Amino acid sequence: MTHDQLFVFRNLLHGLMDQIRNKDKATAEAISEVYQACPDLNDRATLEAERNMLILLGQRERSLLQQIRQALTRIDDGSYGICQECGETIPFKRLEFHPTSSLCVHCQQDLEQAAALNAMSCA
């Protein structure tokens, strides 16, 4: 990957990180809001469901931040754009679409199929 391409991806990843941090602040503020006592059980259940959804969203955002940090580390150490499983080059189009990718499409599919089989065997 060229220096210019890495520069573009580094800027893209930093932009994504900034967006997530801003969302994370808004999510944290929404979670920490003090809800007034709701005498109606349905209203209380709705508020709890919304709060739980915000917590899950926050967890997803923190996970994505970790993936972005890992991608930036791979840029720094020269391994960005190389599949961590098979060592093949990850196609540029895949990285454009999903800049935190650490696996090529084939290895990602293998991982997802193994996870699905594992989930089915546990059920």
PDB file of N, CA and C in Angstrom:
ATOM      1  N   MET A   1       0.854  -1.163   0.000  1.00  0.00           N
ATOM      2  CA  MET A   1       0.000   0.000   0.000  1.00  0.00           C
ATOM      3  C   MET A   1       0.908   1.238   0.000  1.00  0.00           C
ATOM      4  N   THR A   2       0.522   2.231  -0.778  1.00  0.00           N
ATOM      5  CA  THR A   2       1.360   3.423  -0.889  1.00  0.00           C
ATOM      6  C   THR A   2       1.222   4.317   0.339  1.00  0.00           C
ATOM      7  N   HIS A   3       2.182   5.200   0.489  1.00  0.00           N
ATOM      8  CA  HIS A   3       2.163   6.159   1.597  1.00  0.00           C
ATOM      9  C   HIS A   3       0.906   7.028   1.526  1.00  0.00           C
ATOM     10  N   ASP A   4       0.530   7.458   0.314  1.00  0.00           N
ATOM     11  CA  ASP A   4      -0.662   8.295   0.149  1.00  0.00           C
ATOM     12  C   ASP A   4      -1.930   7.546   0.534  1.00  0.00           C
ATOM     13  N   GLN A   5      -2.029   6.276   0.164  1.00  0.00           N
ATOM     14  CA  GLN A   5      -3.201   5.474   0.524  1.00  0.00           C
ATOM     15  C   GLN A   5      -3.281   5.302   2.041  1.00  0.00           C
ATOM     16  N   LEU A   6      -2.157   5.028   2.675  1.00  0.00           N
ATOM     17  CA  LEU A   6      -2.135   4.890   4.127  1.00  0.00           C
ATOM     18  C   LEU A   6      -2.524   6.201   4.808  1.00  0.00           C
ATOM     19  N   PHE A   7      -2.082   7.313   4.246  1.00  0.00           N
ATOM     20  CA  PHE A   7      -2.444   8.628   4.781  1.00  0.00           C
ATOM     21  C   PHE A   7      -3.958   8.827   4.721  1.00  0.00           C
ATOM     22  N   VAL A   8      -4.564   8.440   3.605  1.00  0.00           N
ATOM     23  CA  VAL A   8      -6.020   8.560   3.445  1.00  0.00           C
ATOM     24  C   VAL A   8      -6.737   7.695   4.478  1.00  0.00           C
ATOM     25  N   PHE A   9      -6.296   6.462   4.643  1.00  0.00           N
ATOM     26  CA  PHE A   9      -6.941   5.564   5.611  1.00  0.00           C
ATOM     27  C   PHE A   9      -6.729   6.042   7.050  1.00  0.00           C
ATOM     28  N   ARG A  10      -5.551   6.565   7.347  1.00  0.00           N
ATOM     29  CA  ARG A  10      -5.302   7.084   8.690  1.00  0.00           C
ATOM     30  C   ARG A  10      -6.277   8.233   8.992  1.00  0.00           C
ATOM     31  N   ASN A  11      -6.437   9.137   8.027  1.00  0.00           N
ATOM     32  CA  ASN A  11      -7.366  10.261   8.221  1.00  0.00           C
ATOM     33  C   ASN A  11      -8.803   9.769   8.339  1.00  0.00           C
ATOM     34  N   LEU A  12      -9.172   8.798   7.527  1.00  0.00           N
ATOM     35  CA  LEU A  12     -10.524   8.234   7.587  1.00  0.00           C
ATOM     36  C   LEU A  12     -10.782   7.609   8.952  1.00  0.00           C
ATOM     37  N   LEU A  13      -9.823   6.840   9.453  1.00  0.00           N
ATOM     38  CA  LEU A  13      -9.979   6.182  10.751  1.00  0.00           C
ATOM     39  C   LEU A  13     -10.043   7.206  11.889  1.00  0.00           C
ATOM     40  N   HIS A  14      -9.232   8.244  11.808  1.00  0.00           N
ATOM     41  CA  HIS A  14      -9.297   9.291  12.836  1.00  0.00           C
ATOM     42  C   HIS A  14     -10.644  10.011  12.788  1.00  0.00           C
ATOM     43  N   GLY A  15     -11.169  10.245  11.583  1.00  0.00           N
ATOM     44  CA  GLY A  15     -12.492  10.857  11.453  1.00  0.00           C
ATOM     45  C   GLY A  15     -13.582   9.991  12.057  1.00  0.00           C
ATOM     46  N   LEU A  16     -13.508   8.691  11.786  1.00  0.00           N
ATOM     47  CA  LEU A  16     -14.477   7.761  12.375  1.00  0.00           C
ATOM     48  C   LEU A  16     -14.376   7.767  13.894  1.00  0.00           C
ATOM     49  N   MET A  17     -13.159   7.809  14.401  1.00  0.00           N
ATOM     50  CA  MET A  17     -12.956   7.821  15.847  1.00  0.00           C
ATOM     51  C   MET A  17     -13.587   9.072  16.466  1.00  0.00           C
ATOM     52  N   ASP A  18     -13.401  10.210  15.824  1.00  0.00           N
ATOM     53  CA  ASP A  18     -13.999  11.449  16.331  1.00  0.00           C
ATOM     54  C   ASP A  18     -15.524  11.370  16.325  1.00  0.00           C
ATOM     55  N   GLN A  19     -16.096  10.829  15.256  1.00  0.00           N
ATOM     56  CA  GLN A  19     -17.554  10.685  15.173  1.00  0.00           C
ATOM     57  C   GLN A  19     -18.072   9.794  16.292  1.00  0.00           C
ATOM     58  N   ILE A  20     -17.406   8.695  16.526  1.00  0.00           N
ATOM     59  CA  ILE A  20     -17.844   7.752  17.562  1.00  0.00           C
ATOM     60  C   ILE A  20     -17.714   8.371  18.937  1.00  0.00           C
ATOM     61  N   ARG A  21     -16.627   9.090  19.170  1.00  0.00           N
ATOM     62  CA  ARG A  21     -16.461   9.736  20.474  1.00  0.00           C
ATOM     63  C   ARG A  21     -17.578  10.749  20.724  1.00  0.00           C
ATOM     64  N   ASN A  22     -17.958  11.501  19.690  1.00  0.00           N
ATOM     65  CA  ASN A  22     -19.054  12.460  19.850  1.00  0.00           C
ATOM     66  C   ASN A  22     -20.373  11.741  20.128  1.00  0.00           C
ATOM     67  N   LYS A  23     -20.617  10.641  19.412  1.00  0.00           N
ATOM     68  CA  LYS A  23     -21.825   9.848  19.659  1.00  0.00           C
ATOM     69  C   LYS A  23     -21.799   9.256  21.059  1.00  0.00           C
ATOM     70  N   ASP A  24     -20.621   8.793  21.462  1.00  0.00           N
ATOM     71  CA  ASP A  24     -20.476   8.162  22.775  1.00  0.00           C
ATOM     72  C   ASP A  24     -20.807   9.148  23.887  1.00  0.00           C
ATOM     73  N   LYS A  25     -20.389  10.399  23.727  1.00  0.00           N
ATOM     74  CA  LYS A  25     -20.715  11.419  24.721  1.00  0.00           C
ATOM     75  C   LYS A  25     -22.227  11.617  24.810  1.00  0.00           C
ATOM     76  N   ALA A  26     -22.875  11.690  23.645  1.00  0.00           N
ATOM     77  CA  ALA A  26     -24.326  11.875  23.634  1.00  0.00           C
ATOM     78  C   ALA A  26     -25.028  10.663  24.241  1.00  0.00           C
ATOM     79  N   THR A  27     -24.530   9.468  23.941  1.00  0.00           N
ATOM     80  CA  THR A  27     -25.115   8.252  24.493  1.00  0.00           C
ATOM     81  C   THR A  27     -24.952   8.215  26.003  1.00  0.00           C
ATOM     82  N   ALA A  28     -23.763   8.572  26.486  1.00  0.00           N
ATOM     83  CA  ALA A  28     -23.522   8.574  27.930  1.00  0.00           C
ATOM     84  C   ALA A  28     -24.429   9.586  28.622  1.00  0.00           C
ATOM     85  N   GLU A  29     -24.627  10.734  28.014  1.00  0.00           N
ATOM     86  CA  GLU A  29     -25.515  11.735  28.605  1.00  0.00           C
ATOM     87  C   GLU A  29     -26.953  11.214  28.651  1.00  0.00           C
ATOM     88  N   ALA A  30     -27.379  10.552  27.593  1.00  0.00           N
ATOM     89  CA  ALA A  30     -28.740  10.018  27.552  1.00  0.00           C
ATOM     90  C   ALA A  30     -28.931   8.934  28.611  1.00  0.00           C
ATOM     91  N   ILE A  31     -27.916   8.094  28.798  1.00  0.00           N
ATOM     92  CA  ILE A  31     -28.016   7.022  29.795  1.00  0.00           C
ATOM     93  C   ILE A  31     -28.070   7.608  31.201  1.00  0.00           C
ATOM     94  N   SER A  32     -27.288   8.662  31.428  1.00  0.00           N
ATOM     95  CA  SER A  32     -27.186   9.200  32.778  1.00  0.00           C
ATOM     96  C   SER A  32     -28.339  10.135  33.154  1.00  0.00           C
ATOM     97  N   GLU A  33     -29.226  10.390  32.214  1.00  0.00           N
ATOM     98  CA  GLU A  33     -30.373  11.231  32.548  1.00  0.00           C
ATOM     99  C   GLU A  33     -31.140  10.613  33.709  1.00  0.00           C
ATOM    100  N   VAL A  34     -31.590  11.462  34.579  1.00  0.00           N
ATOM    101  CA  VAL A  34     -32.374  10.982  35.713  1.00  0.00           C
ATOM    102  C   VAL A  34     -33.836  10.948  35.272  1.00  0.00           C
ATOM    103  N   TYR A  35     -34.387   9.754  35.285  1.00  0.00           N
ATOM    104  CA  TYR A  35     -35.795   9.610  34.915  1.00  0.00           C
ATOM    105  C   TYR A  35     -36.659   9.860  36.139  1.00  0.00           C
ATOM    106  N   GLN A  36     -37.677  10.632  35.933  1.00  0.00           N
ATOM    107  CA  GLN A  36     -38.613  10.884  37.023  1.00  0.00           C
ATOM    108  C   GLN A  36     -39.357   9.589  37.315  1.00  0.00           C
ATOM    109  N   ALA A  37     -39.803   9.470  38.535  1.00  0.00           N
ATOM    110  CA  ALA A  37     -40.546   8.272  38.924  1.00  0.00           C
ATOM    111  C   ALA A  37     -41.768   8.129  38.024  1.00  0.00           C
ATOM    112  N   CYS A  38     -41.924   6.957  37.498  1.00  0.00           N
ATOM    113  CA  CYS A  38     -43.047   6.685  36.603  1.00  0.00           C
ATOM    114  C   CYS A  38     -44.021   5.757  37.315  1.00  0.00           C
ATOM    115  N   PRO A  39     -45.174   6.272  37.659  1.00  0.00           N
ATOM    116  CA  PRO A  39     -46.133   5.398  38.327  1.00  0.00           C
ATOM    117  C   PRO A  39     -46.674   4.320  37.376  1.00  0.00           C
ATOM    118  N   ASP A  40     -46.619   4.598  36.082  1.00  0.00           N
ATOM    119  CA  ASP A  40     -47.138   3.651  35.096  1.00  0.00           C
ATOM    120  C   ASP A  40     -46.047   2.625  34.760  1.00  0.00           C
ATOM    121  N   LEU A  41     -46.350   1.359  34.971  1.00  0.00           N
ATOM    122  CA  LEU A  41     -45.372   0.300  34.705  1.00  0.00           C
ATOM    123  C   LEU A  41     -44.985   0.226  33.237  1.00  0.00           C
ATOM    124  N   ASN A  42     -45.904   0.514  32.345  1.00  0.00           N
ATOM    125  CA  ASN A  42     -45.587   0.486  30.916  1.00  0.00           C
ATOM    126  C   ASN A  42     -44.571   1.569  30.561  1.00  0.00           C
ATOM    127  N   ASP A  43     -44.735   2.766  31.122  1.00  0.00           N
ATOM    128  CA  ASP A  43     -43.774   3.835  30.873  1.00  0.00           C
ATOM    129  C   ASP A  43     -42.406   3.463  31.428  1.00  0.00           C
ATOM    130  N   ARG A  44     -42.393   2.892  32.606  1.00  0.00           N
ATOM    131  CA  ARG A  44     -41.130   2.488  33.222  1.00  0.00           C
ATOM    132  C   ARG A  44     -40.441   1.412  32.371  1.00  0.00           C
ATOM    133  N   ALA A  45     -41.206   0.466  31.878  1.00  0.00           N
ATOM    134  CA  ALA A  45     -40.633  -0.594  31.040  1.00  0.00           C
ATOM    135  C   ALA A  45     -40.071  -0.008  29.745  1.00  0.00           C
ATOM    136  N   THR A  46     -40.769   0.955  29.174  1.00  0.00           N
ATOM    137  CA  THR A  46     -40.288   1.597  27.952  1.00  0.00           C
ATOM    138  C   THR A  46     -38.980   2.323  28.209  1.00  0.00           C
ATOM    139  N   LEU A  47     -38.909   3.058  29.315  1.00  0.00           N
ATOM    140  CA  LEU A  47     -37.680   3.770  29.654  1.00  0.00           C
ATOM    141  C   LEU A  47     -36.520   2.800  29.885  1.00  0.00           C
ATOM    142  N   GLU A  48     -36.791   1.697  30.548  1.00  0.00           N
ATOM    143  CA  GLU A  48     -35.732   0.703  30.788  1.00  0.00           C
ATOM    144  C   GLU A  48     -35.266   0.070  29.481  1.00  0.00           C
ATOM    145  N   ALA A  49     -36.198  -0.202  28.582  1.00  0.00           N
ATOM    146  CA  ALA A  49     -35.831  -0.782  27.286  1.00  0.00           C
ATOM    147  C   ALA A  49     -34.959   0.204  26.495  1.00  0.00           C
ATOM    148  N   GLU A  50     -35.341   1.480  26.521  1.00  0.00           N
ATOM    149  CA  GLU A  50     -34.548   2.500  25.828  1.00  0.00           C
ATOM    150  C   GLU A  50     -33.155   2.619  26.448  1.00  0.00           C
ATOM    151  N   ARG A  51     -33.091   2.588  27.756  1.00  0.00           N
ATOM    152  CA  ARG A  51     -31.811   2.680  28.455  1.00  0.00           C
ATOM    153  C   ARG A  51     -30.937   1.481  28.111  1.00  0.00           C
ATOM    154  N   ASN A  52     -31.505   0.294  28.096  1.00  0.00           N
ATOM    155  CA  ASN A  52     -30.742  -0.905  27.742  1.00  0.00           C
ATOM    156  C   ASN A  52     -30.223  -0.826  26.307  1.00  0.00           C
ATOM    157  N   MET A  53     -31.032  -0.278  25.410  1.00  0.00           N
ATOM    158  CA  MET A  53     -30.611  -0.133  24.011  1.00  0.00           C
ATOM    159  C   MET A  53     -29.447   0.855  23.918  1.00  0.00           C
ATOM    160  N   LEU A  54     -29.512   1.930  24.691  1.00  0.00           N
ATOM    161  CA  LEU A  54     -28.420   2.902  24.700  1.00  0.00           C
ATOM    162  C   LEU A  54     -27.133   2.282  25.258  1.00  0.00           C
ATOM    163  N   ILE A  55     -27.262   1.440  26.253  1.00  0.00           N
ATOM    164  CA  ILE A  55     -26.089   0.757  26.811  1.00  0.00           C
ATOM    165  C   ILE A  55     -25.467  -0.161  25.760  1.00  0.00           C
ATOM    166  N   LEU A  56     -26.300  -0.913  25.045  1.00  0.00           N
ATOM    167  CA  LEU A  56     -25.793  -1.794  23.987  1.00  0.00           C
ATOM    168  C   LEU A  56     -25.126  -0.987  22.878  1.00  0.00           C
ATOM    169  N   LEU A  57     -25.715   0.144  22.521  1.00  0.00           N
ATOM    170  CA  LEU A  57     -25.132   1.008  21.510  1.00  0.00           C
ATOM    171  C   LEU A  57     -23.764   1.515  21.967  1.00  0.00           C
ATOM    172  N   GLY A  58     -23.656   1.900  23.226  1.00  0.00           N
ATOM    173  CA  GLY A  58     -22.381   2.345  23.771  1.00  0.00           C
ATOM    174  C   GLY A  58     -21.331   1.252  23.723  1.00  0.00           C
ATOM    175  N   GLN A  59     -21.715   0.027  24.028  1.00  0.00           N
ATOM    176  CA  GLN A  59     -20.778  -1.096  23.973  1.00  0.00           C
ATOM    177  C   GLN A  59     -20.298  -1.326  22.545  1.00  0.00           C
ATOM    178  N   ARG A  60     -21.221  -1.222  21.593  1.00  0.00           N
ATOM    179  CA  ARG A  60     -20.866  -1.402  20.180  1.00  0.00           C
ATOM    180  C   ARG A  60     -19.891  -0.317  19.733  1.00  0.00           C
ATOM    181  N   GLU A  61     -20.148   0.913  20.164  1.00  0.00           N
ATOM    182  CA  GLU A  61     -19.271   2.021  19.798  1.00  0.00           C
ATOM    183  C   GLU A  61     -17.876   1.848  20.403  1.00  0.00           C
ATOM    184  N   ARG A  62     -17.797   1.380  21.651  1.00  0.00           N
ATOM    185  CA  ARG A  62     -16.492   1.151  22.268  1.00  0.00           C
ATOM    186  C   ARG A  62     -15.740   0.029  21.548  1.00  0.00           C
ATOM    187  N   SER A  63     -16.450  -0.983  21.111  1.00  0.00           N
ATOM    188  CA  SER A  63     -15.829  -2.065  20.356  1.00  0.00           C
ATOM    189  C   SER A  63     -15.268  -1.542  19.029  1.00  0.00           C
ATOM    190  N   LEU A  64     -16.042  -0.688  18.360  1.00  0.00           N
ATOM    191  CA  LEU A  64     -15.581  -0.117  17.098  1.00  0.00           C
ATOM    192  C   LEU A  64     -14.369   0.789  17.322  1.00  0.00           C
ATOM    193  N   LEU A  65     -14.343   1.538  18.425  1.00  0.00           N
ATOM    194  CA  LEU A  65     -13.172   2.356  18.748  1.00  0.00           C
ATOM    195  C   LEU A  65     -11.931   1.479  18.905  1.00  0.00           C
ATOM    196  N   GLN A  66     -12.088   0.348  19.551  1.00  0.00           N
ATOM    197  CA  GLN A  66     -10.965  -0.580  19.719  1.00  0.00           C
ATOM    198  C   GLN A  66     -10.483  -1.092  18.356  1.00  0.00           C
ATOM    199  N   GLN A  67     -11.416  -1.414  17.463  1.00  0.00           N
ATOM    200  CA  GLN A  67     -11.042  -1.875  16.123  1.00  0.00           C
ATOM    201  C   GLN A  67     -10.305  -0.778  15.355  1.00  0.00           C
ATOM    202  N   ILE A  68     -10.733   0.466  15.534  1.00  0.00           N
ATOM    203  CA  ILE A  68     -10.070   1.591  14.867  1.00  0.00           C
ATOM    204  C   ILE A  68      -8.654   1.748  15.404  1.00  0.00           C
ATOM    205  N   ARG A  69      -8.491   1.673  16.723  1.00  0.00           N
ATOM    206  CA  ARG A  69      -7.149   1.775  17.316  1.00  0.00           C
ATOM    207  C   ARG A  69      -6.232   0.663  16.790  1.00  0.00           C
ATOM    208  N   GLN A  70      -6.786  -0.536  16.670  1.00  0.00           N
ATOM    209  CA  GLN A  70      -5.993  -1.659  16.160  1.00  0.00           C
ATOM    210  C   GLN A  70      -5.600  -1.418  14.697  1.00  0.00           C
ATOM    211  N   ALA A  71      -6.523  -0.874  13.905  1.00  0.00           N
ATOM    212  CA  ALA A  71      -6.210  -0.573  12.504  1.00  0.00           C
ATOM    213  C   ALA A  71      -5.115   0.492  12.418  1.00  0.00           C
ATOM    214  N   LEU A  72      -5.183   1.516  13.267  1.00  0.00           N
ATOM    215  CA  LEU A  72      -4.147   2.552  13.280  1.00  0.00           C
ATOM    216  C   LEU A  72      -2.797   1.961  13.687  1.00  0.00           C
ATOM    217  N   THR A  73      -2.807   1.015  14.617  1.00  0.00           N
ATOM    218  CA  THR A  73      -1.569   0.334  15.009  1.00  0.00           C
ATOM    219  C   THR A  73      -1.007  -0.447  13.832  1.00  0.00           C
ATOM    220  N   ARG A  74      -1.887  -1.110  13.070  1.00  0.00           N
ATOM    221  CA  ARG A  74      -1.423  -1.858  11.897  1.00  0.00           C
ATOM    222  C   ARG A  74      -0.836  -0.921  10.844  1.00  0.00           C
ATOM    223  N   ILE A  75      -1.405   0.281  10.710  1.00  0.00           N
ATOM    224  CA  ILE A  75      -0.816   1.260   9.784  1.00  0.00           C
ATOM    225  C   ILE A  75       0.588   1.607  10.254  1.00  0.00           C
ATOM    226  N   ASP A  76       0.731   1.859  11.542  1.00  0.00           N
ATOM    227  CA  ASP A  76       2.035   2.234  12.101  1.00  0.00           C
ATOM    228  C   ASP A  76       3.081   1.126  11.958  1.00  0.00           C
ATOM    229  N   ASP A  77       2.660  -0.138  12.139  1.00  0.00           N
ATOM    230  CA  ASP A  77       3.651  -1.218  12.078  1.00  0.00           C
ATOM    231  C   ASP A  77       3.795  -1.833  10.682  1.00  0.00           C
ATOM    232  N   GLY A  78       3.054  -1.299   9.704  1.00  0.00           N
ATOM    233  CA  GLY A  78       3.211  -1.749   8.321  1.00  0.00           C
ATOM    234  C   GLY A  78       2.399  -2.969   7.939  1.00  0.00           C
ATOM    235  N   SER A  79       1.508  -3.425   8.814  1.00  0.00           N
ATOM    236  CA  SER A  79       0.728  -4.627   8.500  1.00  0.00           C
ATOM    237  C   SER A  79      -0.711  -4.305   8.052  1.00  0.00           C
ATOM    238  N   TYR A  80      -1.043  -3.020   7.925  1.00  0.00           N
ATOM    239  CA  TYR A  80      -2.394  -2.643   7.497  1.00  0.00           C
ATOM    240  C   TYR A  80      -2.607  -3.105   6.054  1.00  0.00           C
ATOM    241  N   GLY A  81      -3.770  -3.687   5.807  1.00  0.00           N
ATOM    242  CA  GLY A  81      -4.109  -4.157   4.464  1.00  0.00           C
ATOM    243  C   GLY A  81      -3.630  -5.565   4.176  1.00  0.00           C
ATOM    244  N   ILE A  82      -3.084  -6.229   5.195  1.00  0.00           N
ATOM    245  CA  ILE A  82      -2.637  -7.610   5.045  1.00  0.00           C
ATOM    246  C   ILE A  82      -3.482  -8.469   5.974  1.00  0.00           C
ATOM    247  N   CYS A  83      -4.059  -9.536   5.440  1.00  0.00           N
ATOM    248  CA  CYS A  83      -4.915 -10.424   6.219  1.00  0.00           C
ATOM    249  C   CYS A  83      -4.114 -11.041   7.359  1.00  0.00           C
ATOM    250  N   GLN A  84      -4.630 -10.919   8.563  1.00  0.00           N
ATOM    251  CA  GLN A  84      -3.936 -11.445   9.736  1.00  0.00           C
ATOM    252  C   GLN A  84      -4.016 -12.966   9.816  1.00  0.00           C
ATOM    253  N   GLU A  85      -4.874 -13.559   9.002  1.00  0.00           N
ATOM    254  CA  GLU A  85      -5.019 -15.019   9.023  1.00  0.00           C
ATOM    255  C   GLU A  85      -4.141 -15.688   7.962  1.00  0.00           C
ATOM    256  N   CYS A  86      -4.289 -15.257   6.705  1.00  0.00           N
ATOM    257  CA  CYS A  86      -3.594 -15.949   5.614  1.00  0.00           C
ATOM    258  C   CYS A  86      -2.402 -15.172   5.059  1.00  0.00           C
ATOM    259  N   GLY A  87      -2.279 -13.881   5.403  1.00  0.00           N
ATOM    260  CA  GLY A  87      -1.150 -13.084   4.937  1.00  0.00           C
ATOM    261  C   GLY A  87      -1.330 -12.477   3.556  1.00  0.00           C
ATOM    262  N   GLU A  88      -2.469 -12.718   2.938  1.00  0.00           N
ATOM    263  CA  GLU A  88      -2.736 -12.142   1.626  1.00  0.00           C
ATOM    264  C   GLU A  88      -3.124 -10.670   1.767  1.00  0.00           C
ATOM    265  N   THR A  89      -3.006  -9.935   0.674  1.00  0.00           N
ATOM    266  CA  THR A  89      -3.398  -8.525   0.664  1.00  0.00           C
ATOM    267  C   THR A  89      -4.921  -8.416   0.704  1.00  0.00           C
ATOM    268  N   ILE A  90      -5.418  -7.544   1.564  1.00  0.00           N
ATOM    269  CA  ILE A  90      -6.860  -7.273   1.630  1.00  0.00           C
ATOM    270  C   ILE A  90      -7.174  -6.290   0.503  1.00  0.00           C
ATOM    271  N   PRO A  91      -8.152  -6.603  -0.360  1.00  0.00           N
ATOM    272  CA  PRO A  91      -8.458  -5.711  -1.478  1.00  0.00           C
ATOM    273  C   PRO A  91      -8.773  -4.281  -1.013  1.00  0.00           C
ATOM    274  N   PHE A  92      -8.295  -3.317  -1.792  1.00  0.00           N
ATOM    275  CA  PHE A  92      -8.479  -1.907  -1.487  1.00  0.00           C
ATOM    276  C   PHE A  92      -9.958  -1.564  -1.324  1.00  0.00           C
ATOM    277  N   LYS A  93     -10.803  -2.127  -2.182  1.00  0.00           N
ATOM    278  CA  LYS A  93     -12.251  -1.847  -2.104  1.00  0.00           C
ATOM    279  C   LYS A  93     -12.828  -2.303  -0.766  1.00  0.00           C
ATOM    280  N   ARG A  94     -12.351  -3.430  -0.260  1.00  0.00           N
ATOM    281  CA  ARG A  94     -12.830  -3.911   1.045  1.00  0.00           C
ATOM    282  C   ARG A  94     -12.423  -2.928   2.139  1.00  0.00           C
ATOM    283  N   LEU A  95     -11.197  -2.444   2.075  1.00  0.00           N
ATOM    284  CA  LEU A  95     -10.733  -1.493   3.076  1.00  0.00           C
ATOM    285  C   LEU A  95     -11.468  -0.158   2.966  1.00  0.00           C
ATOM    286  N   GLU A  96     -11.818   0.238   1.751  1.00  0.00           N
ATOM    287  CA  GLU A  96     -12.611   1.460   1.589  1.00  0.00           C
ATOM    288  C   GLU A  96     -13.959   1.309   2.261  1.00  0.00           C
ATOM    289  N   PHE A  97     -14.570   0.149   2.093  1.00  0.00           N
ATOM    290  CA  PHE A  97     -15.887  -0.109   2.661  1.00  0.00           C
ATOM    291  C   PHE A  97     -15.826  -0.335   4.164  1.00  0.00           C
ATOM    292  N   HIS A  98     -14.804  -1.062   4.608  1.00  0.00           N
ATOM    293  CA  HIS A  98     -14.656  -1.421   6.024  1.00  0.00           C
ATOM    294  C   HIS A  98     -13.187  -1.216   6.421  1.00  0.00           C
ATOM    295  N   PRO A  99     -12.809   0.036   6.734  1.00  0.00           N
ATOM    296  CA  PRO A  99     -11.391   0.343   6.943  1.00  0.00           C
ATOM    297  C   PRO A  99     -10.749  -0.328   8.153  1.00  0.00           C
ATOM    298  N   THR A 100     -11.534  -0.926   9.031  1.00  0.00           N
ATOM    299  CA  THR A 100     -10.954  -1.628  10.175  1.00  0.00           C
ATOM    300  C   THR A 100     -10.726  -3.113   9.889  1.00  0.00           C
ATOM    301  N   SER A 101     -10.976  -3.537   8.667  1.00  0.00           N
ATOM    302  CA  SER A 101     -10.820  -4.958   8.320  1.00  0.00           C
ATOM    303  C   SER A 101      -9.406  -5.446   8.596  1.00  0.00           C
ATOM    304  N   SER A 102      -9.340  -6.594   9.237  1.00  0.00           N
ATOM    305  CA  SER A 102      -8.041  -7.218   9.478  1.00  0.00           C
ATOM    306  C   SER A 102      -7.954  -8.576   8.780  1.00  0.00           C
ATOM    307  N   LEU A 103      -9.061  -8.968   8.146  1.00  0.00           N
ATOM    308  CA  LEU A 103      -9.114 -10.247   7.438  1.00  0.00           C
ATOM    309  C   LEU A 103      -9.607 -10.024   6.011  1.00  0.00           C
ATOM    310  N   CYS A 104      -9.123 -10.859   5.087  1.00  0.00           N
ATOM    311  CA  CYS A 104      -9.661 -10.828   3.726  1.00  0.00           C
ATOM    312  C   CYS A 104     -11.070 -11.419   3.760  1.00  0.00           C
ATOM    313  N   VAL A 105     -11.799 -11.262   2.684  1.00  0.00           N
ATOM    314  CA  VAL A 105     -13.184 -11.730   2.640  1.00  0.00           C
ATOM    315  C   VAL A 105     -13.255 -13.233   2.910  1.00  0.00           C
ATOM    316  N   HIS A 106     -12.377 -14.001   2.293  1.00  0.00           N
ATOM    317  CA  HIS A 106     -12.415 -15.459   2.451  1.00  0.00           C
ATOM    318  C   HIS A 106     -12.203 -15.867   3.910  1.00  0.00           C
ATOM    319  N   CYS A 107     -11.200 -15.297   4.558  1.00  0.00           N
ATOM    320  CA  CYS A 107     -10.930 -15.649   5.961  1.00  0.00           C
ATOM    321  C   CYS A 107     -12.050 -15.160   6.876  1.00  0.00           C
ATOM    322  N   GLN A 108     -12.630 -14.002   6.566  1.00  0.00           N
ATOM    323  CA  GLN A 108     -13.755 -13.493   7.356  1.00  0.00           C
ATOM    324  C   GLN A 108     -14.950 -14.433   7.233  1.00  0.00           C
ATOM    325  N   GLN A 109     -15.212 -14.918   6.016  1.00  0.00           N
ATOM    326  CA  GLN A 109     -16.315 -15.864   5.825  1.00  0.00           C
ATOM    327  C   GLN A 109     -16.059 -17.154   6.585  1.00  0.00           C
ATOM    328  N   ASP A 110     -14.824 -17.652   6.537  1.00  0.00           N
ATOM    329  CA  ASP A 110     -14.478 -18.864   7.284  1.00  0.00           C
ATOM    330  C   ASP A 110     -14.713 -18.674   8.780  1.00  0.00           C
ATOM    331  N   LEU A 111     -14.312 -17.517   9.299  1.00  0.00           N
ATOM    332  CA  LEU A 111     -14.496 -17.214  10.715  1.00  0.00           C
ATOM    333  C   LEU A 111     -15.981 -17.176  11.076  1.00  0.00           C
ATOM    334  N   GLU A 112     -16.778 -16.527  10.236  1.00  0.00           N
ATOM    335  CA  GLU A 112     -18.213 -16.424  10.507  1.00  0.00           C
ATOM    336  C   GLU A 112     -18.904 -17.782  10.410  1.00  0.00           C
ATOM    337  N   GLN A 113     -18.494 -18.609   9.451  1.00  0.00           N
ATOM    338  CA  GLN A 113     -19.080 -19.951   9.329  1.00  0.00           C
ATOM    339  C   GLN A 113     -18.719 -20.806  10.533  1.00  0.00           C
ATOM    340  N   ALA A 114     -17.485 -20.715  10.990  1.00  0.00           N
ATOM    341  CA  ALA A 114     -17.077 -21.480  12.174  1.00  0.00           C
ATOM    342  C   ALA A 114     -17.848 -21.025  13.395  1.00  0.00           C
ATOM    343  N   ALA A 115     -18.066 -19.727  13.531  1.00  0.00           N
ATOM    344  CA  ALA A 115     -18.833 -19.198  14.669  1.00  0.00           C
ATOM    345  C   ALA A 115     -20.284 -19.673  14.592  1.00  0.00           C
ATOM    346  N   ALA A 116     -20.850 -19.695  13.393  1.00  0.00           N
ATOM    347  CA  ALA A 116     -22.239 -20.143  13.228  1.00  0.00           C
ATOM    348  C   ALA A 116     -22.362 -21.631  13.564  1.00  0.00           C
ATOM    349  N   LEU A 117     -21.402 -22.423  13.116  1.00  0.00           N
ATOM    350  CA  LEU A 117     -21.419 -23.853  13.428  1.00  0.00           C
ATOM    351  C   LEU A 117     -21.263 -24.082  14.918  1.00  0.00           C
ATOM    352  N   ASN A 118     -20.419 -23.321  15.551  1.00  0.00           N
ATOM    353  CA  ASN A 118     -20.194 -23.429  16.981  1.00  0.00           C
ATOM    354  C   ASN A 118     -21.477 -23.057  17.736  1.00  0.00           C
ATOM    355  N   ALA A 119     -22.136 -21.999  17.291  1.00  0.00           N
ATOM    356  CA  ALA A 119     -23.383 -21.569  17.944  1.00  0.00           C
ATOM    357  C   ALA A 119     -24.462 -22.630  17.780  1.00  0.00           C
ATOM    358  N   MET A 120     -24.501 -23.279  16.611  1.00  0.00           N
ATOM    359  CA  MET A 120     -25.518 -24.313  16.374  1.00  0.00           C
ATOM    360  C   MET A 120     -25.237 -25.537  17.227  1.00  0.00           C
ATOM    361  N   SER A 121     -23.974 -25.855  17.428  1.00  0.00           N
ATOM    362  CA  SER A 121     -23.647 -27.042  18.228  1.00  0.00           C
ATOM    363  C   SER A 121     -23.890 -26.805  19.711  1.00  0.00           C
ATOM    364  N   CYS A 122     -23.856 -25.548  20.123  1.00  0.00           N
ATOM    365  CA  CYS A 122     -24.121 -25.227  21.536  1.00  0.00           C
ATOM    366  C   CYS A 122     -25.606 -25.163  21.834  1.00  0.00           C
ATOM    367  N   ALA A 123     -26.412 -25.011  20.806  1.00  0.00           N
ATOM    368  CA  ALA A 123     -27.857 -24.853  21.007  1.00  0.00           C
ATOM    369  C   ALA A 123     -28.556 -26.149  21.300  1.00  0.00           C
TER     370      ALA A 123
END
